[in-house]
Amino acid sequence: MNPLRPLVWLATLLASLALGCNSGRLKTYEVEGQVVFKDGSPVKVGIVETKALGKSVQATGSINKDGSFRLTTYRENDGAIAGQHRVVVIQMIPVEDIPNYRPSTMGVVHRKHASYNTSELTMSVEPDAPNKIRLVVSGAEPIGKNDKDHGHDEIPTDPNGSPDPGK
């Protein structure tokens, strides 16, 4: 038996698998876009996820600091399939149990945009057009009355001005 025969067989098998990887996949088209708040300022963190209507195919893309994103379905940045899509914007906002800490709502997308049932965001992917998407989202309801809130309560002080009342 030729000692190279198993290697040739393995190489042939791997090549067949690589060629067959696209079987059953729908064609995708590049999609890039930006997520912004109603005032035009960019959403700086999160994920855009789309679901094609009538198909069980989803695409996702990470939101960059300038609000931009590129969608991926099968391979990085390959886009999304043609047609109408429902869209959600997902942000993972940590809630920490730290004294005098309150999560900020500055830069946070309203939670309605995180569910396909309530998002109301849609997009269309066209095979013969540049697919540049602009998603306009609502911000979360502010905590308190201060629209400049950054999520921190005042640190309590004792009458002598020490930040730790126990000292």
N, C-alpha and C. Protein backbone atom coordinates (compact mmCIF):
# COMPACT_ATOMS: atom_id res chain seq x y z
N MET A 1 0.84 -1.18 0.00
CA MET A 1 0.00 0.00 0.00
C MET A 1 0.88 1.24 0.00
N ASN A 2 0.53 2.15 -0.84
CA ASN A 2 1.26 3.41 -0.95
C ASN A 2 1.05 4.22 0.32
N PRO A 3 2.14 4.68 1.00
CA PRO A 3 1.98 5.42 2.26
C PRO A 3 1.30 6.77 2.07
N LEU A 4 1.27 7.30 0.88
CA LEU A 4 0.62 8.58 0.64
C LEU A 4 -0.88 8.44 0.39
N ARG A 5 -1.32 7.20 0.12
CA ARG A 5 -2.72 6.99 -0.21
C ARG A 5 -3.69 7.53 0.85
N PRO A 6 -3.47 7.27 2.16
CA PRO A 6 -4.40 7.84 3.15
C PRO A 6 -4.41 9.37 3.13
N LEU A 7 -3.26 9.99 2.87
CA LEU A 7 -3.20 11.45 2.80
C LEU A 7 -3.97 11.98 1.59
N VAL A 8 -3.85 11.30 0.46
CA VAL A 8 -4.58 11.69 -0.74
C VAL A 8 -6.08 11.54 -0.49
N TRP A 9 -6.47 10.42 0.15
CA TRP A 9 -7.88 10.20 0.46
C TRP A 9 -8.41 11.30 1.39
N LEU A 10 -7.63 11.65 2.43
CA LEU A 10 -8.03 12.69 3.37
C LEU A 10 -8.15 14.05 2.66
N ALA A 11 -7.18 14.36 1.81
CA ALA A 11 -7.22 15.64 1.08
C ALA A 11 -8.45 15.69 0.17
N THR A 12 -8.78 14.59 -0.48
CA THR A 12 -9.96 14.53 -1.35
C THR A 12 -11.24 14.72 -0.54
N LEU A 13 -11.30 14.07 0.62
CA LEU A 13 -12.47 14.20 1.48
C LEU A 13 -12.64 15.64 1.95
N LEU A 14 -11.57 16.26 2.40
CA LEU A 14 -11.64 17.65 2.86
C LEU A 14 -12.03 18.60 1.73
N ALA A 15 -11.50 18.38 0.53
CA ALA A 15 -11.87 19.22 -0.62
C ALA A 15 -13.35 19.06 -0.95
N SER A 16 -13.87 17.83 -0.88
CA SER A 16 -15.30 17.61 -1.16
C SER A 16 -16.17 18.30 -0.13
N LEU A 17 -15.74 18.22 1.13
CA LEU A 17 -16.53 18.89 2.17
C LEU A 17 -16.51 20.39 1.98
N ALA A 18 -15.36 20.93 1.63
CA ALA A 18 -15.26 22.38 1.43
C ALA A 18 -16.14 22.82 0.27
N LEU A 19 -16.15 22.06 -0.82
CA LEU A 19 -16.99 22.42 -1.96
C LEU A 19 -18.47 22.28 -1.63
N GLY A 20 -18.81 21.33 -0.77
CA GLY A 20 -20.21 21.10 -0.43
C GLY A 20 -20.74 22.02 0.64
N CYS A 21 -19.87 22.84 1.23
CA CYS A 21 -20.30 23.70 2.34
C CYS A 21 -21.35 24.71 1.92
N ASN A 22 -21.39 25.09 0.67
CA ASN A 22 -22.37 26.08 0.23
C ASN A 22 -23.68 25.47 -0.22
N SER A 23 -23.76 24.14 -0.25
CA SER A 23 -25.00 23.52 -0.73
C SER A 23 -26.14 23.84 0.23
N GLY A 24 -27.26 24.21 -0.33
CA GLY A 24 -28.44 24.52 0.47
C GLY A 24 -28.47 25.95 1.00
N ARG A 25 -27.42 26.67 0.81
CA ARG A 25 -27.38 28.05 1.28
C ARG A 25 -27.98 28.99 0.24
N LEU A 26 -28.70 29.97 0.74
CA LEU A 26 -29.25 30.99 -0.15
C LEU A 26 -28.18 32.04 -0.42
N LYS A 27 -28.25 32.66 -1.58
CA LYS A 27 -27.28 33.68 -1.95
C LYS A 27 -27.43 34.90 -1.04
N THR A 28 -26.30 35.45 -0.64
CA THR A 28 -26.31 36.65 0.21
C THR A 28 -25.77 37.84 -0.56
N TYR A 29 -26.14 39.02 -0.08
CA TYR A 29 -25.73 40.29 -0.69
C TYR A 29 -25.19 41.18 0.43
N GLU A 30 -24.09 41.84 0.16
CA GLU A 30 -23.46 42.67 1.18
C GLU A 30 -24.45 43.72 1.70
N VAL A 31 -24.45 43.88 3.02
CA VAL A 31 -25.31 44.87 3.67
C VAL A 31 -24.46 45.60 4.71
N GLU A 32 -24.47 46.91 4.61
CA GLU A 32 -23.82 47.72 5.64
C GLU A 32 -24.79 48.82 6.02
N GLY A 33 -24.61 49.33 7.23
CA GLY A 33 -25.53 50.36 7.67
C GLY A 33 -25.04 51.07 8.91
N GLN A 34 -25.97 51.84 9.48
CA GLN A 34 -25.68 52.59 10.68
C GLN A 34 -26.93 52.60 11.55
N VAL A 35 -26.72 52.50 12.87
CA VAL A 35 -27.80 52.60 13.83
C VAL A 35 -27.64 53.93 14.54
N VAL A 36 -28.70 54.75 14.49
CA VAL A 36 -28.65 56.08 15.12
C VAL A 36 -29.91 56.30 15.96
N PHE A 37 -29.77 57.21 16.93
CA PHE A 37 -30.93 57.65 17.69
C PHE A 37 -31.68 58.68 16.85
N LYS A 38 -32.87 59.05 17.28
CA LYS A 38 -33.69 60.01 16.54
C LYS A 38 -33.01 61.35 16.33
N ASP A 39 -32.09 61.73 17.24
CA ASP A 39 -31.39 63.01 17.08
C ASP A 39 -30.19 62.90 16.13
N GLY A 40 -29.96 61.70 15.57
CA GLY A 40 -28.86 61.49 14.62
C GLY A 40 -27.57 61.01 15.25
N SER A 41 -27.47 60.99 16.58
CA SER A 41 -26.25 60.51 17.22
C SER A 41 -26.18 58.98 17.11
N PRO A 42 -24.96 58.45 16.95
CA PRO A 42 -24.83 57.00 16.72
C PRO A 42 -25.04 56.18 17.99
N VAL A 43 -25.60 55.00 17.80
CA VAL A 43 -25.62 53.99 18.85
C VAL A 43 -24.21 53.40 18.83
N LYS A 44 -23.56 53.32 19.97
CA LYS A 44 -22.14 52.99 19.99
C LYS A 44 -21.82 51.54 20.35
N VAL A 45 -22.81 50.77 20.72
CA VAL A 45 -22.54 49.38 21.10
C VAL A 45 -23.81 48.56 20.91
N GLY A 46 -23.63 47.28 20.59
CA GLY A 46 -24.77 46.39 20.45
C GLY A 46 -24.63 45.49 19.23
N ILE A 47 -25.72 44.82 18.94
CA ILE A 47 -25.76 43.89 17.81
C ILE A 47 -27.04 44.15 17.02
N VAL A 48 -26.91 44.16 15.70
CA VAL A 48 -28.06 44.21 14.81
C VAL A 48 -28.32 42.76 14.38
N GLU A 49 -29.56 42.34 14.48
CA GLU A 49 -29.92 40.99 14.04
C GLU A 49 -31.14 41.11 13.14
N THR A 50 -31.12 40.37 12.03
CA THR A 50 -32.26 40.41 11.11
C THR A 50 -32.81 39.01 10.91
N LYS A 51 -34.09 38.95 10.60
CA LYS A 51 -34.74 37.68 10.29
C LYS A 51 -35.49 37.87 8.98
N ALA A 52 -35.12 37.07 7.99
CA ALA A 52 -35.77 37.17 6.69
C ALA A 52 -37.22 36.69 6.78
N LEU A 53 -38.15 37.46 6.20
CA LEU A 53 -39.56 37.07 6.22
C LEU A 53 -39.76 35.83 5.37
N GLY A 54 -40.44 34.85 5.92
CA GLY A 54 -40.75 33.63 5.19
C GLY A 54 -39.60 32.64 5.08
N LYS A 55 -38.48 32.94 5.68
CA LYS A 55 -37.31 32.05 5.64
C LYS A 55 -36.79 31.90 7.07
N SER A 56 -36.08 30.85 7.32
CA SER A 56 -35.48 30.69 8.65
C SER A 56 -33.99 31.04 8.58
N VAL A 57 -33.72 32.22 8.03
CA VAL A 57 -32.34 32.68 7.86
C VAL A 57 -32.18 34.01 8.58
N GLN A 58 -31.14 34.09 9.41
CA GLN A 58 -30.85 35.31 10.15
C GLN A 58 -29.47 35.82 9.78
N ALA A 59 -29.29 37.13 9.94
CA ALA A 59 -27.98 37.76 9.76
C ALA A 59 -27.73 38.62 10.98
N THR A 60 -26.46 38.78 11.34
CA THR A 60 -26.11 39.60 12.50
C THR A 60 -24.90 40.47 12.17
N GLY A 61 -24.76 41.53 12.94
CA GLY A 61 -23.60 42.40 12.80
C GLY A 61 -23.37 43.19 14.07
N SER A 62 -22.13 43.34 14.47
CA SER A 62 -21.78 44.13 15.65
C SER A 62 -21.80 45.60 15.30
N ILE A 63 -22.31 46.40 16.24
CA ILE A 63 -22.36 47.85 16.06
C ILE A 63 -21.03 48.44 16.53
N ASN A 64 -20.41 49.24 15.67
CA ASN A 64 -19.15 49.92 16.01
C ASN A 64 -19.45 51.25 16.70
N LYS A 65 -18.41 51.90 17.23
CA LYS A 65 -18.58 53.15 17.98
C LYS A 65 -19.21 54.27 17.16
N ASP A 66 -19.09 54.21 15.84
CA ASP A 66 -19.72 55.24 15.00
C ASP A 66 -21.12 54.83 14.55
N GLY A 67 -21.63 53.72 15.11
CA GLY A 67 -22.97 53.25 14.78
C GLY A 67 -23.01 52.33 13.57
N SER A 68 -21.88 52.16 12.89
CA SER A 68 -21.87 51.35 11.66
C SER A 68 -21.88 49.86 11.98
N PHE A 69 -22.36 49.08 11.01
CA PHE A 69 -22.36 47.62 11.12
C PHE A 69 -22.31 47.02 9.73
N ARG A 70 -21.88 45.77 9.66
CA ARG A 70 -21.93 44.96 8.44
C ARG A 70 -22.53 43.63 8.82
N LEU A 71 -23.43 43.13 7.99
CA LEU A 71 -24.13 41.89 8.33
C LEU A 71 -23.39 40.64 7.87
N THR A 72 -23.57 39.59 8.64
CA THR A 72 -22.99 38.28 8.37
C THR A 72 -24.09 37.22 8.46
N THR A 73 -24.20 36.37 7.44
CA THR A 73 -25.13 35.25 7.48
C THR A 73 -24.37 33.94 7.61
N TYR A 74 -23.51 33.62 6.63
CA TYR A 74 -22.75 32.37 6.66
C TYR A 74 -21.26 32.61 6.92
N ARG A 75 -20.70 33.61 6.26
CA ARG A 75 -19.28 33.98 6.39
C ARG A 75 -19.21 35.44 6.81
N GLU A 76 -18.13 35.81 7.46
CA GLU A 76 -17.99 37.18 7.95
C GLU A 76 -18.23 38.21 6.84
N ASN A 77 -19.15 39.13 7.12
CA ASN A 77 -19.49 40.26 6.23
C ASN A 77 -20.05 39.84 4.88
N ASP A 78 -20.63 38.63 4.78
CA ASP A 78 -21.20 38.21 3.49
C ASP A 78 -22.58 38.83 3.23
N GLY A 79 -23.17 39.45 4.25
CA GLY A 79 -24.43 40.15 4.06
C GLY A 79 -25.63 39.35 4.51
N ALA A 80 -26.74 39.54 3.80
CA ALA A 80 -28.01 38.90 4.12
C ALA A 80 -28.67 38.46 2.83
N ILE A 81 -29.66 37.57 2.94
CA ILE A 81 -30.35 37.11 1.73
C ILE A 81 -31.29 38.20 1.24
N ALA A 82 -31.65 38.14 -0.04
CA ALA A 82 -32.54 39.14 -0.64
C ALA A 82 -33.93 39.05 -0.03
N GLY A 83 -34.60 40.20 0.02
CA GLY A 83 -35.97 40.25 0.48
C GLY A 83 -36.16 41.12 1.70
N GLN A 84 -37.36 41.04 2.26
CA GLN A 84 -37.72 41.82 3.44
C GLN A 84 -37.23 41.13 4.71
N HIS A 85 -36.80 41.93 5.67
CA HIS A 85 -36.30 41.42 6.95
C HIS A 85 -36.90 42.22 8.09
N ARG A 86 -37.16 41.55 9.18
CA ARG A 86 -37.46 42.22 10.44
C ARG A 86 -36.12 42.40 11.15
N VAL A 87 -35.99 43.47 11.93
CA VAL A 87 -34.70 43.82 12.52
C VAL A 87 -34.86 44.11 14.01
N VAL A 88 -33.88 43.66 14.80
CA VAL A 88 -33.81 44.02 16.22
C VAL A 88 -32.41 44.57 16.50
N VAL A 89 -32.34 45.41 17.53
CA VAL A 89 -31.07 45.93 18.02
C VAL A 89 -30.96 45.49 19.48
N ILE A 90 -29.90 44.74 19.76
CA ILE A 90 -29.74 44.14 21.08
C ILE A 90 -28.52 44.75 21.77
N GLN A 91 -28.71 45.14 23.02
CA GLN A 91 -27.61 45.63 23.85
C GLN A 91 -27.63 44.86 25.15
N MET A 92 -26.47 44.43 25.60
CA MET A 92 -26.36 43.78 26.89
C MET A 92 -25.87 44.83 27.87
N ILE A 93 -26.75 45.30 28.73
CA ILE A 93 -26.42 46.35 29.67
C ILE A 93 -26.28 45.72 31.06
N PRO A 94 -25.06 45.74 31.62
CA PRO A 94 -24.89 45.12 32.94
C PRO A 94 -25.58 45.95 34.03
N VAL A 95 -26.15 45.25 34.96
CA VAL A 95 -26.74 45.90 36.13
C VAL A 95 -25.92 45.40 37.32
N GLU A 96 -25.23 46.31 37.94
CA GLU A 96 -24.33 45.94 39.02
C GLU A 96 -24.93 46.31 40.36
N ASP A 97 -24.68 45.47 41.35
CA ASP A 97 -25.16 45.71 42.70
C ASP A 97 -24.07 46.42 43.49
N ILE A 98 -23.84 47.68 43.14
CA ILE A 98 -22.81 48.49 43.78
C ILE A 98 -23.51 49.64 44.49
N PRO A 99 -23.16 49.88 45.77
CA PRO A 99 -23.79 51.00 46.48
C PRO A 99 -23.60 52.32 45.72
N ASN A 100 -24.63 53.12 45.67
CA ASN A 100 -24.62 54.44 45.03
C ASN A 100 -24.42 54.38 43.52
N TYR A 101 -24.65 53.22 42.90
CA TYR A 101 -24.53 53.08 41.45
C TYR A 101 -25.91 52.88 40.87
N ARG A 102 -26.20 53.59 39.82
CA ARG A 102 -27.47 53.46 39.12
C ARG A 102 -27.14 53.36 37.64
N PRO A 103 -27.62 52.34 36.94
CA PRO A 103 -27.29 52.22 35.52
C PRO A 103 -27.75 53.45 34.74
N SER A 104 -26.93 53.91 33.83
CA SER A 104 -27.26 55.06 33.00
C SER A 104 -28.16 54.63 31.85
N THR A 105 -28.95 55.57 31.36
CA THR A 105 -29.71 55.29 30.15
C THR A 105 -29.11 56.04 28.96
N MET A 106 -28.04 56.80 29.18
CA MET A 106 -27.40 57.52 28.07
C MET A 106 -26.82 56.50 27.09
N GLY A 107 -27.18 56.58 25.81
CA GLY A 107 -26.66 55.67 24.80
C GLY A 107 -27.31 54.30 24.80
N VAL A 108 -28.41 54.15 25.53
CA VAL A 108 -29.08 52.86 25.60
C VAL A 108 -30.32 52.89 24.70
N VAL A 109 -30.44 51.88 23.87
CA VAL A 109 -31.57 51.74 22.95
C VAL A 109 -32.79 51.28 23.74
N HIS A 110 -33.95 51.83 23.41
CA HIS A 110 -35.20 51.44 24.06
C HIS A 110 -35.39 49.93 23.90
N ARG A 111 -35.82 49.29 24.98
CA ARG A 111 -35.93 47.82 24.98
C ARG A 111 -36.92 47.29 23.96
N LYS A 112 -37.84 48.12 23.45
CA LYS A 112 -38.79 47.62 22.44
C LYS A 112 -38.06 47.16 21.18
N HIS A 113 -36.87 47.72 20.91
CA HIS A 113 -36.12 47.36 19.70
C HIS A 113 -35.39 46.03 19.82
N ALA A 114 -35.44 45.38 21.00
CA ALA A 114 -34.75 44.11 21.21
C ALA A 114 -35.64 42.90 20.92
N SER A 115 -36.89 43.12 20.55
CA SER A 115 -37.82 42.02 20.29
C SER A 115 -38.41 42.15 18.88
N TYR A 116 -38.44 41.05 18.16
CA TYR A 116 -39.07 41.08 16.83
C TYR A 116 -40.55 41.44 16.93
N ASN A 117 -41.18 41.15 18.06
CA ASN A 117 -42.61 41.44 18.23
C ASN A 117 -42.90 42.92 18.38
N THR A 118 -41.93 43.71 18.88
CA THR A 118 -42.20 45.12 19.16
C THR A 118 -41.26 46.09 18.46
N SER A 119 -40.22 45.60 17.81
CA SER A 119 -39.17 46.46 17.28
C SER A 119 -39.65 47.48 16.24
N GLU A 120 -40.50 47.06 15.34
CA GLU A 120 -40.99 47.89 14.23
C GLU A 120 -39.89 48.28 13.24
N LEU A 121 -38.69 47.74 13.40
CA LEU A 121 -37.60 48.03 12.46
C LEU A 121 -37.62 46.98 11.35
N THR A 122 -37.48 47.45 10.11
CA THR A 122 -37.44 46.54 8.96
C THR A 122 -36.36 47.01 7.99
N MET A 123 -35.99 46.12 7.09
CA MET A 123 -35.08 46.50 6.01
C MET A 123 -35.36 45.61 4.81
N SER A 124 -34.90 46.07 3.66
CA SER A 124 -35.04 45.32 2.43
C SER A 124 -33.66 45.14 1.81
N VAL A 125 -33.36 43.91 1.40
CA VAL A 125 -32.08 43.62 0.74
C VAL A 125 -32.38 43.35 -0.73
N GLU A 126 -31.72 44.11 -1.59
CA GLU A 126 -31.94 44.01 -3.03
C GLU A 126 -30.71 43.39 -3.71
N PRO A 127 -30.91 42.45 -4.63
CA PRO A 127 -29.77 41.82 -5.30
C PRO A 127 -28.97 42.78 -6.18
N ASP A 128 -29.62 43.76 -6.79
CA ASP A 128 -28.95 44.63 -7.77
C ASP A 128 -28.80 46.07 -7.30
N ALA A 129 -28.66 46.27 -5.98
CA ALA A 129 -28.54 47.63 -5.47
C ALA A 129 -27.58 47.64 -4.29
N PRO A 130 -26.96 48.80 -4.05
CA PRO A 130 -26.15 48.88 -2.83
C PRO A 130 -27.09 48.83 -1.62
N ASN A 131 -26.82 47.95 -0.71
CA ASN A 131 -27.68 47.78 0.45
C ASN A 131 -27.10 48.54 1.63
N LYS A 132 -27.44 49.84 1.68
CA LYS A 132 -27.00 50.72 2.76
C LYS A 132 -28.23 51.01 3.62
N ILE A 133 -28.18 50.55 4.85
CA ILE A 133 -29.33 50.60 5.74
C ILE A 133 -29.09 51.63 6.84
N ARG A 134 -30.11 52.41 7.15
CA ARG A 134 -30.05 53.34 8.28
C ARG A 134 -31.21 52.98 9.21
N LEU A 135 -30.86 52.57 10.41
CA LEU A 135 -31.86 52.20 11.41
C LEU A 135 -31.95 53.32 12.44
N VAL A 136 -33.13 53.88 12.60
CA VAL A 136 -33.35 54.95 13.57
C VAL A 136 -34.11 54.36 14.74
N VAL A 137 -33.51 54.47 15.93
CA VAL A 137 -34.09 53.87 17.13
C VAL A 137 -34.40 54.92 18.19
N SER A 138 -35.28 54.55 19.10
CA SER A 138 -35.59 55.39 20.26
C SER A 138 -34.60 55.06 21.37
N GLY A 139 -34.33 56.05 22.20
CA GLY A 139 -33.49 55.82 23.37
C GLY A 139 -34.33 55.33 24.53
N ALA A 140 -33.66 54.76 25.52
CA ALA A 140 -34.34 54.30 26.73
C ALA A 140 -34.89 55.50 27.48
N GLU A 141 -35.89 55.26 28.28
CA GLU A 141 -36.46 56.31 29.11
C GLU A 141 -35.41 56.76 30.12
N PRO A 142 -35.21 58.07 30.29
CA PRO A 142 -34.19 58.53 31.25
C PRO A 142 -34.55 58.16 32.68
N ILE A 143 -33.50 57.97 33.48
CA ILE A 143 -33.67 57.75 34.91
C ILE A 143 -33.73 59.13 35.55
N GLY A 144 -34.80 59.45 36.20
CA GLY A 144 -34.91 60.76 36.83
C GLY A 144 -35.17 61.83 35.79
N LYS A 145 -35.01 63.09 36.18
CA LYS A 145 -35.34 64.21 35.31
C LYS A 145 -34.15 64.77 34.56
N ASN A 146 -32.93 64.36 34.90
CA ASN A 146 -31.72 64.93 34.32
C ASN A 146 -31.34 64.20 33.04
N ASP A 147 -31.43 64.86 31.89
CA ASP A 147 -31.07 64.20 30.63
C ASP A 147 -29.56 64.07 30.45
N LYS A 148 -28.79 64.61 31.36
CA LYS A 148 -27.32 64.47 31.33
C LYS A 148 -26.86 63.39 32.31
N ASP A 149 -27.80 62.61 32.82
CA ASP A 149 -27.49 61.58 33.81
C ASP A 149 -26.48 60.59 33.26
N HIS A 150 -25.43 60.35 34.01
CA HIS A 150 -24.43 59.36 33.61
C HIS A 150 -24.46 58.14 34.52
N GLY A 151 -25.49 57.99 35.31
CA GLY A 151 -25.67 56.77 36.07
C GLY A 151 -25.11 56.75 37.47
N HIS A 152 -24.73 57.88 38.00
CA HIS A 152 -24.16 57.89 39.34
C HIS A 152 -24.92 58.83 40.25
N ASP A 153 -25.26 58.35 41.42
CA ASP A 153 -25.83 59.20 42.45
C ASP A 153 -24.68 59.92 43.13
N GLU A 154 -25.00 60.99 43.80
CA GLU A 154 -23.97 61.66 44.59
C GLU A 154 -23.49 60.72 45.68
N ILE A 155 -22.19 60.76 45.95
CA ILE A 155 -21.63 59.93 47.02
C ILE A 155 -21.95 60.62 48.33
N PRO A 156 -22.57 59.90 49.28
CA PRO A 156 -22.92 60.55 50.54
C PRO A 156 -21.67 60.97 51.31
N THR A 157 -21.75 62.09 51.97
CA THR A 157 -20.65 62.58 52.79
C THR A 157 -21.15 62.89 54.19
N ASP A 158 -20.21 62.86 55.15
CA ASP A 158 -20.61 63.26 56.50
C ASP A 158 -20.53 64.78 56.59
N PRO A 159 -20.96 65.37 57.67
CA PRO A 159 -20.97 66.84 57.78
C PRO A 159 -19.59 67.47 57.64
N ASN A 160 -18.50 66.72 57.89
CA ASN A 160 -17.15 67.26 57.76
C ASN A 160 -16.63 67.19 56.33
N GLY A 161 -17.40 66.64 55.42
CA GLY A 161 -17.00 66.54 54.02
C GLY A 161 -16.30 65.27 53.66
N SER A 162 -16.13 64.35 54.58
CA SER A 162 -15.47 63.08 54.28
C SER A 162 -16.42 62.22 53.45
N PRO A 163 -15.90 61.56 52.40
CA PRO A 163 -16.80 60.73 51.58
C PRO A 163 -17.32 59.51 52.34
N ASP A 164 -16.69 59.10 53.41
CA ASP A 164 -17.15 57.95 54.18
C ASP A 164 -17.68 58.43 55.52
N PRO A 165 -19.00 58.43 55.71
CA PRO A 165 -19.58 58.97 56.94
C PRO A 165 -19.08 58.29 58.20
N GLY A 166 -18.50 57.10 58.07
CA GLY A 166 -18.03 56.37 59.25
C GLY A 166 -16.66 56.85 59.72
N LYS A 167 -16.01 57.77 59.02
CA LYS A 167 -14.65 58.20 59.41
C LYS A 167 -14.65 59.60 59.92
